[in-house]
Amino acid sequence: MAKEYWQVAAGSAGREYSDRFIRLGMAFVGGDAQIAAMDQVAAGDVMVLKSGLSKVLAAGEVVQRNGIHKGNGDKPWLRDFDGWDLPAYCYVDWRVPEVPVETDGLTRATIQKLPQDKHRQLADSLLVLPAREHEAEPPATHEVTDEEILKFLISTCLRPSAADELTTTVRRIRLLADYYYNYCWDQVLEHETRTFLVVPLLIALGWAEQQIKIELSCSKGRIDVACFSRAYRGDNRECVVMIETKDFSSGLDYAPDQARRYAEDFPTCQVLVVSNGYCYKTYLRSDAGAFSDTPSAYLNILRPRDRYPLDPTCVDGALGVLKWLLPGSLR
C-alpha cells in the first residue's frame, strides 16, 4: 500500500505545543474527528507539522516503537496536556529545518491528508535531513483524591470548619468547568473564568473579599487578581499573590511573562499564578528577587494529580498549587 501524507497542527495561538511534538518524537490529537483521522495513520506514512496555513515546521515518517506505531487512550499524561485531552497519538521521526518553510494552501484542519502535490514534495525534501533524537516520555503520575486534598490543607492551615465549604465549592467549580469544556470551551472569556471559577476557589480557601483586588492598576497595566496579606487599604506592598487569568480555551505558557512584568511593582509578592479557570501553574519568587522560569506546581482541578503530568520529575502537582493559594502560607 502506498504511503499517505498527512498535515498535523500542534495546537493554536495561546496553546501551541509543536516543541513537544518534536522533543517527544510524536504527534497527538484530541476530539472525535481528529481521533478518527489518527486511527487511519499507518507506519511509513509521512507527517507534516504545520503552523497556521503557511508554515511547515517539520516533517517525518511514522515509525514503530515497542511494536506499535500509534495508540489511543493508553498514555495518561496525554489525557491532561495542560488541561487538554489529547489521547490519540502516533510516533514520528521528525526532521526539522533550521527555519520554518513557507508555503501556501494548507488547511485549518488539525489533522488530515495533505491537499496538494507541492506539499508532499516539500515533505520529501525535508525527509533527507537527519532525524531528531526524541526524549523519553514523562513517567507516571497518580490521582489525588478530594479526601487527600482536604487532609493536606487542614494539616497546612485550612480551618476544619471550612472543609465543607471548600468541598462544595470545588464540586460546583468542577461541574461548571466540565460544562464549559464540553459545550462552549472557546466561548468562555477571561472575565467569566475569573468570576465563576478562580475567585470562588480563593474565597473557599480562606481569602476574605477585603483581601482581593480585581484588575488592580500598576505601571505595566492591570493585574487580574491581586491577593493581600490583610484587608486592602491601598498599600500595594502587602500584595503576596498575583493571578493572571486567561479565557477558558487559552494555554498557560505565555501568561507568566506578562505577570512577571506586573510583579516588578510589587516586591512583596511571593507567588505568581496563571490560570484559565480550571488549570493553574504557580511560579515562586527566589531569594534573589526573580520569579522562576518554570512552574513550581500544576493543578488541573478536573483531574488533580500528585505531580505535573508533563514534567513530573521537576514540577509538583495539585497539593503544591493549593499550598501556595492558602492565605495562611503567605504571612
Protein backbone atom coordinates (compact mmCIF):
# COMPACT_ATOMS: atom_id res chain seq x y z
CA MET A 1 0.00 0.00 0.00
CA ALA A 2 1.33 3.45 -0.92
CA LYS A 3 2.23 5.71 1.97
CA GLU A 4 -0.07 8.61 2.80
CA TYR A 5 0.96 12.17 3.57
CA TRP A 6 -0.69 14.00 6.48
CA GLN A 7 -0.69 17.51 7.85
CA VAL A 8 -0.97 17.93 11.61
CA ALA A 9 -1.20 21.03 13.77
CA ALA A 10 0.15 21.23 17.31
CA GLY A 11 -2.43 23.40 18.99
CA SER A 12 -3.18 27.03 18.20
CA ALA A 13 -2.32 30.52 19.41
CA GLY A 14 -2.11 30.53 23.19
CA ARG A 15 -1.69 26.76 23.49
CA GLU A 16 0.86 25.75 20.92
CA TYR A 17 2.97 22.66 21.62
CA SER A 18 4.94 21.87 18.45
CA ASP A 19 8.12 21.76 20.53
CA ARG A 20 6.63 18.83 22.48
CA PHE A 21 5.83 17.00 19.24
CA ILE A 22 9.45 17.32 18.16
CA ARG A 23 11.07 16.66 21.54
CA LEU A 24 8.99 13.53 22.16
CA GLY A 25 9.02 12.26 18.57
CA MET A 26 5.24 12.10 18.43
CA ALA A 27 2.06 13.69 17.10
CA PHE A 28 -1.08 13.66 19.25
CA VAL A 29 -4.64 14.94 18.90
CA GLY A 30 -7.99 15.07 20.68
CA GLY A 31 -11.62 15.34 19.58
CA ASP A 32 -13.71 12.68 17.87
CA ALA A 33 -12.98 13.68 14.28
CA GLN A 34 -9.26 14.08 14.91
CA ILE A 35 -9.04 10.76 16.75
CA ALA A 36 -10.79 9.04 13.83
CA ALA A 37 -8.26 10.56 11.42
CA MET A 38 -5.30 9.49 13.56
CA ASP A 39 -6.69 5.96 13.56
CA GLN A 40 -6.12 5.86 9.79
CA VAL A 41 -2.40 6.66 10.06
CA ALA A 42 -0.14 3.77 9.12
CA ALA A 43 3.50 3.02 9.78
CA GLY A 44 5.58 4.52 6.96
CA ASP A 45 3.17 7.41 6.37
CA VAL A 46 4.60 10.93 6.36
CA MET A 47 3.55 13.63 8.82
CA VAL A 48 3.98 17.34 8.12
CA LEU A 49 3.90 19.54 11.21
CA LYS A 50 2.35 22.88 10.29
CA SER A 51 1.87 26.25 11.93
CA GLY A 52 -1.13 28.18 10.67
CA LEU A 53 -1.82 27.99 6.95
CA SER A 54 1.59 28.87 5.58
CA LYS A 55 4.45 27.38 7.63
CA VAL A 56 5.90 23.88 7.82
CA LEU A 57 7.88 23.32 11.00
CA ALA A 58 8.95 19.71 10.44
CA ALA A 59 8.25 16.52 8.53
CA GLY A 60 8.81 12.91 9.47
CA GLU A 61 7.97 9.28 8.95
CA VAL A 62 5.56 7.42 11.19
CA VAL A 63 7.56 4.66 12.89
CA GLN A 64 7.07 1.77 15.27
CA ARG A 65 8.35 1.81 18.83
CA ASN A 66 7.95 -1.17 21.11
CA GLY A 67 5.96 -2.89 18.38
CA ILE A 68 3.34 -0.19 17.78
CA HIS A 69 3.17 2.99 15.72
CA LYS A 70 0.05 4.58 17.21
CA GLY A 71 -2.39 4.34 20.08
CA ASN A 72 -5.40 5.91 21.72
CA GLY A 73 -6.08 6.46 25.42
CA ASP A 74 -3.25 4.40 26.87
CA LYS A 75 -0.94 7.28 27.89
CA PRO A 76 -2.33 9.07 30.99
CA TRP A 77 -0.07 12.11 30.54
CA LEU A 78 -1.80 12.86 27.22
CA ARG A 79 -5.18 12.96 28.98
CA ASP A 80 -4.09 16.12 30.81
CA PHE A 81 -1.84 18.04 28.46
CA ASP A 82 -2.07 21.37 30.29
CA GLY A 83 -5.77 20.68 30.63
CA TRP A 84 -6.41 19.24 27.17
CA ASP A 85 -7.42 15.66 26.50
CA LEU A 86 -5.25 14.53 23.54
CA PRO A 87 -5.44 10.74 23.74
CA ALA A 88 -4.68 9.65 20.15
CA TYR A 89 -1.06 9.62 19.02
CA CYS A 90 1.49 8.24 16.62
CA TYR A 91 5.29 8.04 16.74
CA VAL A 92 7.24 10.17 14.28
CA ASP A 93 10.92 10.52 13.43
CA TRP A 94 10.85 14.27 12.88
CA ARG A 95 13.16 16.15 10.50
CA VAL A 96 13.38 19.82 11.40
CA PRO A 97 14.70 22.55 9.07
CA GLU A 98 16.76 25.41 10.51
CA VAL A 99 13.88 27.79 9.85
CA PRO A 100 10.21 27.06 9.11
CA VAL A 101 9.44 26.56 5.42
CA GLU A 102 6.95 29.00 3.93
CA THR A 103 4.20 27.61 1.70
CA ASP A 104 0.52 28.17 0.98
CA GLY A 105 -2.61 26.12 0.55
CA LEU A 106 -2.53 24.32 3.91
CA THR A 107 -5.90 23.95 5.59
CA ARG A 108 -7.20 24.73 9.07
CA ALA A 109 -7.82 21.08 9.92
CA THR A 110 -5.89 19.72 12.90
CA ILE A 111 -5.09 16.50 11.05
CA GLN A 112 -5.95 15.47 7.51
CA LYS A 113 -4.29 14.17 4.36
CA LEU A 114 -2.15 16.75 2.60
CA PRO A 115 -4.21 18.56 -0.02
CA GLN A 116 -1.64 19.25 -2.75
CA ASP A 117 1.28 17.58 -4.54
CA LYS A 118 3.59 20.50 -3.73
CA HIS A 119 3.16 19.81 -0.02
CA ARG A 120 4.08 16.16 -0.49
CA GLN A 121 7.16 17.22 -2.46
CA LEU A 122 8.08 19.67 0.30
CA ALA A 123 7.77 16.87 2.83
CA ASP A 124 10.01 14.59 0.76
CA SER A 125 12.64 17.34 0.57
CA LEU A 126 12.74 17.52 4.37
CA LEU A 127 13.00 13.76 4.84
CA VAL A 128 16.64 13.86 3.68
CA LEU A 129 17.53 15.75 6.89
CA PRO A 130 18.74 13.74 9.91
CA ALA A 131 16.00 12.61 12.28
CA ARG A 132 15.85 14.36 15.63
CA GLU A 133 16.52 12.24 18.69
CA HIS A 134 13.48 12.04 20.93
CA GLU A 135 13.20 12.35 24.69
CA ALA A 136 11.75 9.74 27.00
CA GLU A 137 8.07 10.12 27.74
CA PRO A 138 7.07 11.54 31.15
CA PRO A 139 6.87 8.96 33.96
CA ALA A 140 3.55 8.11 35.55
CA THR A 141 1.72 10.36 38.00
CA HIS A 142 -1.06 9.47 40.43
CA GLU A 143 -4.53 10.80 41.14
CA VAL A 144 -5.03 12.97 44.21
CA THR A 145 -8.41 12.39 45.85
CA ASP A 146 -10.55 15.08 47.43
CA GLU A 147 -10.02 13.44 50.81
CA GLU A 148 -6.25 13.70 50.38
CA ILE A 149 -6.64 17.34 49.37
CA LEU A 150 -8.70 18.18 52.47
CA LYS A 151 -6.33 16.35 54.83
CA PHE A 152 -3.37 18.17 53.32
CA LEU A 153 -4.98 21.60 53.51
CA ILE A 154 -6.15 21.10 57.09
CA SER A 155 -2.67 19.92 58.08
CA THR A 156 -1.27 23.07 56.46
CA CYS A 157 -3.56 25.82 57.79
CA LEU A 158 -7.14 25.46 56.48
CA ARG A 159 -9.71 25.68 59.25
CA PRO A 160 -11.51 22.32 59.66
CA SER A 161 -14.80 24.21 59.76
CA ALA A 162 -14.08 25.43 56.21
CA ALA A 163 -13.74 21.90 54.81
CA ASP A 164 -17.42 21.54 53.90
CA GLU A 165 -17.48 24.88 52.11
CA LEU A 166 -14.33 24.01 50.16
CA THR A 167 -15.72 20.60 49.15
CA THR A 168 -18.97 22.16 47.94
CA THR A 169 -17.13 24.92 46.06
CA VAL A 170 -14.74 22.54 44.33
CA ARG A 171 -17.64 20.32 43.28
CA ARG A 172 -19.50 23.33 41.83
CA ILE A 173 -16.37 24.55 40.03
CA ARG A 174 -15.83 21.12 38.52
CA LEU A 175 -19.41 20.88 37.29
CA LEU A 176 -19.20 24.31 35.68
CA ALA A 177 -15.71 23.72 34.21
CA ASP A 178 -16.85 20.38 32.80
CA TYR A 179 -19.83 22.13 31.19
CA TYR A 180 -17.57 24.79 29.70
CA TYR A 181 -15.11 22.17 28.43
CA ASN A 182 -17.72 20.00 26.73
CA TYR A 183 -20.17 22.57 25.37
CA CYS A 184 -18.63 26.02 24.89
CA TRP A 185 -14.93 25.92 25.71
CA ASP A 186 -13.98 28.55 23.10
CA GLN A 187 -16.76 30.96 24.12
CA VAL A 188 -15.86 31.37 27.82
CA LEU A 189 -14.00 34.65 28.24
CA GLU A 190 -11.39 35.70 30.75
CA HIS A 191 -13.72 37.68 32.99
CA GLU A 192 -16.02 34.64 33.23
CA THR A 193 -13.24 32.27 34.28
CA ARG A 194 -12.10 34.80 36.87
CA THR A 195 -15.60 35.46 38.23
CA PHE A 196 -17.08 31.97 38.27
CA LEU A 197 -14.05 29.70 38.71
CA VAL A 198 -11.00 31.46 40.19
CA VAL A 199 -12.37 33.86 42.79
CA PRO A 200 -14.81 31.30 44.31
CA LEU A 201 -11.87 28.94 44.87
CA LEU A 202 -9.82 31.69 46.55
CA ILE A 203 -12.67 32.54 48.93
CA ALA A 204 -13.26 28.87 49.77
CA LEU A 205 -9.54 28.53 50.58
CA GLY A 206 -9.85 31.31 53.15
CA TRP A 207 -9.21 34.62 51.41
CA ALA A 208 -11.60 37.35 52.50
CA GLU A 209 -13.15 39.55 49.86
CA GLN A 210 -11.40 42.52 51.50
CA GLN A 211 -8.04 40.90 50.70
CA ILE A 212 -8.75 40.52 46.98
CA LYS A 213 -8.47 43.26 44.35
CA ILE A 214 -9.72 42.70 40.82
CA GLU A 215 -7.96 44.43 37.89
CA LEU A 216 -5.58 46.35 40.13
CA SER A 217 -3.70 49.06 38.23
CA CYS A 218 0.09 49.07 38.11
CA SER A 219 2.70 50.81 35.94
CA LYS A 220 2.67 47.99 33.34
CA GLY A 221 -1.09 47.51 33.10
CA ARG A 222 -3.73 45.80 35.23
CA ILE A 223 -3.31 42.75 37.45
CA ASP A 224 -6.28 40.43 37.01
CA VAL A 225 -6.37 39.30 40.67
CA ALA A 226 -4.15 40.52 43.50
CA CYS A 227 -4.32 38.96 46.97
CA PHE A 228 -3.12 40.85 50.04
CA SER A 229 -1.85 39.69 53.40
CA ARG A 230 -4.60 41.68 55.10
CA ALA A 231 -7.61 43.80 54.15
CA TYR A 232 -6.61 46.08 51.28
CA ARG A 233 -6.21 49.75 52.17
CA GLY A 234 -4.26 50.97 49.16
CA ASP A 235 -0.84 49.63 50.20
CA ASN A 236 0.47 47.55 47.32
CA ARG A 237 3.44 46.46 49.44
CA GLU A 238 1.10 43.98 51.12
CA CYS A 239 0.39 42.05 47.90
CA VAL A 240 1.52 38.42 48.33
CA VAL A 241 -0.13 36.63 45.36
CA MET A 242 -0.80 37.79 41.81
CA ILE A 243 -3.02 35.78 39.47
CA GLU A 244 -3.08 36.23 35.70
CA THR A 245 -6.33 34.80 34.36
CA LYS A 246 -6.96 33.74 30.77
CA ASP A 247 -10.01 32.66 28.84
CA PHE A 248 -11.03 29.04 29.16
CA SER A 249 -9.50 27.87 25.87
CA SER A 250 -6.10 29.51 26.43
CA GLY A 251 -2.92 27.74 27.35
CA LEU A 252 -0.74 28.93 30.18
CA ASP A 253 2.70 29.17 28.60
CA TYR A 254 2.67 32.86 27.66
CA ALA A 255 0.93 34.35 30.70
CA PRO A 256 3.89 34.15 33.16
CA ASP A 257 5.95 36.72 31.24
CA GLN A 258 3.09 39.19 31.41
CA ALA A 259 2.62 38.58 35.13
CA ARG A 260 6.37 38.97 35.81
CA ARG A 261 6.28 42.46 34.32
CA TYR A 262 3.43 43.40 36.61
CA ALA A 263 5.25 41.95 39.64
CA GLU A 264 8.05 44.49 39.31
CA ASP A 265 5.74 46.96 41.08
CA PHE A 266 5.07 44.52 43.95
CA PRO A 267 8.31 43.45 45.64
CA THR A 268 6.47 41.63 48.44
CA CYS A 269 4.58 39.37 46.03
CA GLN A 270 5.76 35.81 46.67
CA VAL A 271 3.72 33.80 44.18
CA LEU A 272 2.62 34.28 40.57
CA VAL A 273 -0.28 32.14 39.41
CA VAL A 274 -1.56 31.72 35.87
CA SER A 275 -4.94 30.12 35.33
CA ASN A 276 -7.57 29.56 32.66
CA GLY A 277 -10.10 28.76 35.37
CA TYR A 278 -9.50 25.05 35.75
CA CYS A 279 -5.74 24.70 35.28
CA TYR A 280 -3.27 26.53 37.49
CA LYS A 281 0.50 26.97 37.44
CA THR A 282 2.43 28.61 40.26
CA TYR A 283 5.77 30.43 39.99
CA LEU A 284 7.76 31.36 43.10
CA ARG A 285 10.00 34.34 43.75
CA SER A 286 13.58 33.35 44.57
CA ASP A 287 15.74 34.86 47.31
CA ALA A 288 17.38 36.92 44.57
CA GLY A 289 14.02 38.52 43.80
CA ALA A 290 13.31 36.95 40.40
CA PHE A 291 10.43 34.61 39.62
CA SER A 292 11.22 31.13 38.35
CA ASP A 293 11.07 30.43 34.62
CA THR A 294 9.50 27.02 35.19
CA PRO A 295 6.43 26.38 37.33
CA SER A 296 6.78 25.08 40.86
CA ALA A 297 3.48 23.22 40.69
CA TYR A 298 0.47 22.45 38.46
CA LEU A 299 -3.19 21.78 39.23
CA ASN A 300 -5.97 20.65 36.93
CA ILE A 301 -8.99 20.94 39.17
CA LEU A 302 -10.86 18.43 36.99
CA ARG A 303 -8.05 15.85 37.27
CA PRO A 304 -5.81 16.53 40.28
CA ARG A 305 -2.50 14.63 40.15
CA ASP A 306 0.38 14.31 42.59
CA ARG A 307 2.86 15.71 40.03
CA TYR A 308 2.71 17.75 36.82
CA PRO A 309 1.90 15.15 34.12
CA LEU A 310 4.21 16.74 31.52
CA ASP A 311 7.21 17.13 33.85
CA PRO A 312 6.64 15.04 36.98
CA THR A 313 10.34 14.84 37.79
CA CYS A 314 10.71 18.59 38.35
CA VAL A 315 7.24 20.06 38.96
CA ASP A 316 4.92 19.41 41.89
CA GLY A 317 1.21 18.71 41.47
CA ALA A 318 -2.17 19.66 42.92
CA LEU A 319 -1.15 19.92 46.56
CA GLY A 320 1.75 22.20 45.68
CA VAL A 321 -0.56 24.69 43.96
CA LEU A 322 -3.13 24.62 46.75
CA LYS A 323 -0.44 25.17 49.36
CA TRP A 324 0.58 28.44 47.67
CA LEU A 325 -3.04 29.54 47.29
CA LEU A 326 -3.71 29.24 51.01
CA PRO A 327 -3.58 32.65 52.69
CA GLY A 328 -2.03 31.11 55.82
CA SER A 329 1.02 30.02 53.82
CA LEU A 330 1.89 33.60 52.85
CA ARG A 331 2.20 35.67 56.00
